[in-house]
Amino acid sequence: MSNLKVPKKWLNATLFYLGCFGVVFHLTATIYGLWVGLGVITDYWWTWPAPIVCILWGILPPLQLQAERPSNKRSSTFEV
């Protein structure tokens, strides 16, 4: 799982950031609904997987729509 990092290619990065925005939007809407007394609205439960799938499309190499090149740089300064 060390291959999980923010993608560099424009399509993968777009999917990743759209998914992050979607998750933040869902959490904000849920918190607001609880705050105003609506409770948790479960009628639209099927909208939650969409941002998660976008994030996975962006960061998982087998699912990426544009292949990311592996970097030749070391991932840590502590490596020998």
N, C-alpha and C. Protein backbone atom coordinates (compact mmCIF):
# COMPACT_ATOMS: atom_id res chain seq x y z
N MET A 1 0.81 -1.19 0.00
CA MET A 1 0.00 0.00 0.00
C MET A 1 0.86 1.26 0.00
N SER A 2 2.16 1.12 -0.17
CA SER A 2 3.02 2.30 -0.17
C SER A 2 2.90 3.09 -1.47
N ASN A 3 2.19 2.56 -2.47
CA ASN A 3 2.01 3.26 -3.74
C ASN A 3 0.92 4.31 -3.67
N LEU A 4 0.22 4.42 -2.56
CA LEU A 4 -0.86 5.38 -2.45
C LEU A 4 -0.31 6.77 -2.18
N LYS A 5 -0.41 7.64 -3.17
CA LYS A 5 0.02 9.02 -3.02
C LYS A 5 -0.80 9.88 -3.98
N VAL A 6 -0.74 11.17 -3.78
CA VAL A 6 -1.51 12.09 -4.62
C VAL A 6 -1.02 11.96 -6.06
N PRO A 7 -1.93 11.72 -6.99
CA PRO A 7 -1.53 11.52 -8.39
C PRO A 7 -1.06 12.81 -9.05
N LYS A 8 -0.20 12.66 -10.06
CA LYS A 8 0.36 13.80 -10.78
C LYS A 8 -0.33 14.05 -12.11
N LYS A 9 -0.80 13.01 -12.78
CA LYS A 9 -1.46 13.18 -14.08
C LYS A 9 -2.76 13.93 -13.88
N TRP A 10 -3.13 14.75 -14.86
CA TRP A 10 -4.26 15.66 -14.69
C TRP A 10 -5.58 14.94 -14.50
N LEU A 11 -5.84 13.85 -15.21
CA LEU A 11 -7.12 13.15 -15.07
C LEU A 11 -7.21 12.45 -13.72
N ASN A 12 -6.15 11.78 -13.32
CA ASN A 12 -6.14 11.11 -12.02
C ASN A 12 -6.26 12.12 -10.88
N ALA A 13 -5.55 13.24 -11.01
CA ALA A 13 -5.60 14.28 -9.97
C ALA A 13 -7.00 14.89 -9.91
N THR A 14 -7.62 15.11 -11.06
CA THR A 14 -8.98 15.67 -11.08
C THR A 14 -9.96 14.75 -10.38
N LEU A 15 -9.90 13.46 -10.68
CA LEU A 15 -10.79 12.50 -10.03
C LEU A 15 -10.54 12.46 -8.52
N PHE A 16 -9.28 12.48 -8.14
CA PHE A 16 -8.93 12.43 -6.72
C PHE A 16 -9.49 13.65 -5.98
N TYR A 17 -9.25 14.84 -6.52
CA TYR A 17 -9.71 16.06 -5.84
C TYR A 17 -11.23 16.21 -5.87
N LEU A 18 -11.87 15.77 -6.94
CA LEU A 18 -13.34 15.77 -6.96
C LEU A 18 -13.90 14.83 -5.90
N GLY A 19 -13.27 13.68 -5.74
CA GLY A 19 -13.70 12.74 -4.70
C GLY A 19 -13.51 13.31 -3.31
N CYS A 20 -12.38 13.98 -3.08
CA CYS A 20 -12.14 14.62 -1.78
C CYS A 20 -13.18 15.70 -1.52
N PHE A 21 -13.48 16.51 -2.53
CA PHE A 21 -14.50 17.54 -2.39
C PHE A 21 -15.86 16.92 -2.09
N GLY A 22 -16.18 15.81 -2.76
CA GLY A 22 -17.45 15.13 -2.54
C GLY A 22 -17.59 14.60 -1.13
N VAL A 23 -16.54 14.02 -0.60
CA VAL A 23 -16.58 13.50 0.77
C VAL A 23 -16.76 14.66 1.76
N VAL A 24 -16.01 15.74 1.56
CA VAL A 24 -16.14 16.90 2.44
C VAL A 24 -17.55 17.48 2.34
N PHE A 25 -18.10 17.57 1.13
CA PHE A 25 -19.45 18.08 0.95
C PHE A 25 -20.48 17.22 1.67
N HIS A 26 -20.37 15.89 1.53
CA HIS A 26 -21.30 14.99 2.20
C HIS A 26 -21.22 15.13 3.71
N LEU A 27 -20.00 15.18 4.23
CA LEU A 27 -19.86 15.33 5.68
C LEU A 27 -20.42 16.66 6.16
N THR A 28 -20.17 17.74 5.41
CA THR A 28 -20.69 19.05 5.78
C THR A 28 -22.22 19.06 5.74
N ALA A 29 -22.80 18.47 4.70
CA ALA A 29 -24.26 18.43 4.59
C ALA A 29 -24.87 17.60 5.71
N THR A 30 -24.22 16.50 6.07
CA THR A 30 -24.73 15.66 7.16
C THR A 30 -24.66 16.39 8.49
N ILE A 31 -23.55 17.06 8.75
CA ILE A 31 -23.41 17.81 10.00
C ILE A 31 -24.42 18.95 10.05
N TYR A 32 -24.62 19.65 8.93
CA TYR A 32 -25.60 20.72 8.89
C TYR A 32 -27.01 20.18 9.13
N GLY A 33 -27.34 19.04 8.51
CA GLY A 33 -28.65 18.43 8.71
C GLY A 33 -28.89 18.07 10.16
N LEU A 34 -27.86 17.54 10.81
CA LEU A 34 -27.99 17.22 12.23
C LEU A 34 -28.13 18.49 13.07
N TRP A 35 -27.42 19.53 12.68
CA TRP A 35 -27.44 20.78 13.42
C TRP A 35 -28.82 21.46 13.38
N VAL A 36 -29.48 21.43 12.22
CA VAL A 36 -30.79 22.07 12.11
C VAL A 36 -31.93 21.13 12.50
N GLY A 37 -31.61 19.92 12.87
CA GLY A 37 -32.62 19.00 13.38
C GLY A 37 -33.26 18.09 12.35
N LEU A 38 -32.64 17.95 11.20
CA LEU A 38 -33.21 17.05 10.19
C LEU A 38 -32.86 15.58 10.45
N GLY A 39 -31.84 15.35 11.21
CA GLY A 39 -31.37 13.99 11.41
C GLY A 39 -30.54 13.55 10.22
N VAL A 40 -30.16 12.30 10.23
CA VAL A 40 -29.38 11.76 9.11
C VAL A 40 -30.36 11.32 8.02
N ILE A 41 -30.21 11.92 6.85
CA ILE A 41 -31.09 11.59 5.74
C ILE A 41 -30.53 10.38 5.02
N THR A 42 -31.25 9.27 5.06
CA THR A 42 -30.75 8.02 4.46
C THR A 42 -31.38 7.74 3.11
N ASP A 43 -32.19 8.65 2.59
CA ASP A 43 -32.81 8.41 1.29
C ASP A 43 -31.80 8.39 0.16
N TYR A 44 -30.70 9.09 0.33
CA TYR A 44 -29.70 9.18 -0.73
C TYR A 44 -28.40 8.49 -0.33
N TRP A 45 -28.49 7.33 0.27
CA TRP A 45 -27.32 6.60 0.72
C TRP A 45 -26.41 6.23 -0.45
N TRP A 46 -26.97 6.07 -1.63
CA TRP A 46 -26.21 5.62 -2.80
C TRP A 46 -25.32 6.72 -3.36
N THR A 47 -25.41 7.95 -2.86
CA THR A 47 -24.51 9.01 -3.33
C THR A 47 -23.16 8.97 -2.62
N TRP A 48 -23.05 8.26 -1.53
CA TRP A 48 -21.78 8.18 -0.81
C TRP A 48 -20.69 7.42 -1.56
N PRO A 49 -20.98 6.32 -2.25
CA PRO A 49 -19.88 5.61 -2.93
C PRO A 49 -19.24 6.40 -4.07
N ALA A 50 -19.94 7.35 -4.68
CA ALA A 50 -19.39 8.07 -5.83
C ALA A 50 -18.08 8.79 -5.51
N PRO A 51 -18.00 9.62 -4.46
CA PRO A 51 -16.72 10.28 -4.19
C PRO A 51 -15.63 9.31 -3.78
N ILE A 52 -16.01 8.25 -3.09
CA ILE A 52 -15.02 7.26 -2.68
C ILE A 52 -14.44 6.54 -3.89
N VAL A 53 -15.28 6.23 -4.87
CA VAL A 53 -14.80 5.60 -6.10
C VAL A 53 -13.89 6.56 -6.86
N CYS A 54 -14.22 7.85 -6.89
CA CYS A 54 -13.35 8.83 -7.55
C CYS A 54 -11.98 8.88 -6.88
N ILE A 55 -11.95 8.85 -5.57
CA ILE A 55 -10.66 8.85 -4.86
C ILE A 55 -9.87 7.60 -5.21
N LEU A 56 -10.53 6.45 -5.21
CA LEU A 56 -9.84 5.20 -5.54
C LEU A 56 -9.33 5.20 -6.98
N TRP A 57 -10.12 5.75 -7.93
CA TRP A 57 -9.67 5.86 -9.32
C TRP A 57 -8.41 6.71 -9.43
N GLY A 58 -8.29 7.70 -8.55
CA GLY A 58 -7.13 8.58 -8.61
C GLY A 58 -5.88 8.00 -7.99
N ILE A 59 -6.01 7.19 -6.92
CA ILE A 59 -4.81 6.78 -6.19
C ILE A 59 -4.40 5.33 -6.37
N LEU A 60 -5.31 4.45 -6.77
CA LEU A 60 -4.94 3.05 -6.95
C LEU A 60 -4.40 2.81 -8.36
N PRO A 61 -3.15 2.39 -8.49
CA PRO A 61 -2.56 2.22 -9.82
C PRO A 61 -3.35 1.31 -10.77
N PRO A 62 -3.93 0.18 -10.32
CA PRO A 62 -4.69 -0.64 -11.28
C PRO A 62 -5.96 0.04 -11.80
N LEU A 63 -6.50 1.00 -11.07
CA LEU A 63 -7.73 1.66 -11.48
C LEU A 63 -7.51 2.99 -12.20
N GLN A 64 -6.28 3.49 -12.22
CA GLN A 64 -6.01 4.80 -12.79
C GLN A 64 -6.28 4.81 -14.29
N LEU A 65 -6.90 5.88 -14.75
CA LEU A 65 -7.20 6.02 -16.17
C LEU A 65 -5.99 6.49 -16.96
N GLN A 66 -5.04 7.15 -16.31
CA GLN A 66 -3.76 7.52 -16.91
C GLN A 66 -2.67 6.90 -16.06
N ALA A 67 -1.80 6.14 -16.69
CA ALA A 67 -0.75 5.45 -15.93
C ALA A 67 0.25 6.46 -15.40
N GLU A 68 0.52 6.38 -14.11
CA GLU A 68 1.51 7.24 -13.47
C GLU A 68 2.89 6.59 -13.62
N ARG A 69 3.88 7.39 -13.88
CA ARG A 69 5.25 6.88 -13.97
C ARG A 69 5.81 6.74 -12.56
N PRO A 70 6.46 5.62 -12.29
CA PRO A 70 7.09 5.52 -10.97
C PRO A 70 8.28 6.48 -10.90
N SER A 71 8.39 7.15 -9.79
CA SER A 71 9.49 8.11 -9.64
C SER A 71 10.78 7.37 -9.31
N ASN A 72 11.88 7.89 -9.81
CA ASN A 72 13.19 7.28 -9.54
C ASN A 72 13.80 7.81 -8.25
N LYS A 73 13.14 8.80 -7.65
CA LYS A 73 13.65 9.36 -6.40
C LYS A 73 13.33 8.43 -5.25
N ARG A 74 14.13 8.54 -4.22
CA ARG A 74 13.87 7.77 -3.01
C ARG A 74 12.64 8.36 -2.32
N SER A 75 11.84 7.51 -1.72
CA SER A 75 10.63 7.99 -1.06
C SER A 75 10.90 8.52 0.34
N SER A 76 12.08 8.24 0.89
CA SER A 76 12.39 8.70 2.23
C SER A 76 13.86 9.10 2.30
N THR A 77 14.16 10.06 3.11
CA THR A 77 15.56 10.47 3.27
C THR A 77 16.32 9.54 4.20
N PHE A 78 15.61 8.61 4.84
CA PHE A 78 16.25 7.69 5.78
C PHE A 78 16.75 6.43 5.12
N GLU A 79 16.46 6.27 3.81
CA GLU A 79 16.94 5.07 3.11
C GLU A 79 18.44 5.16 2.85
N VAL A 80 19.07 4.02 2.80
CA VAL A 80 20.50 3.98 2.56
C VAL A 80 20.78 3.72 1.11
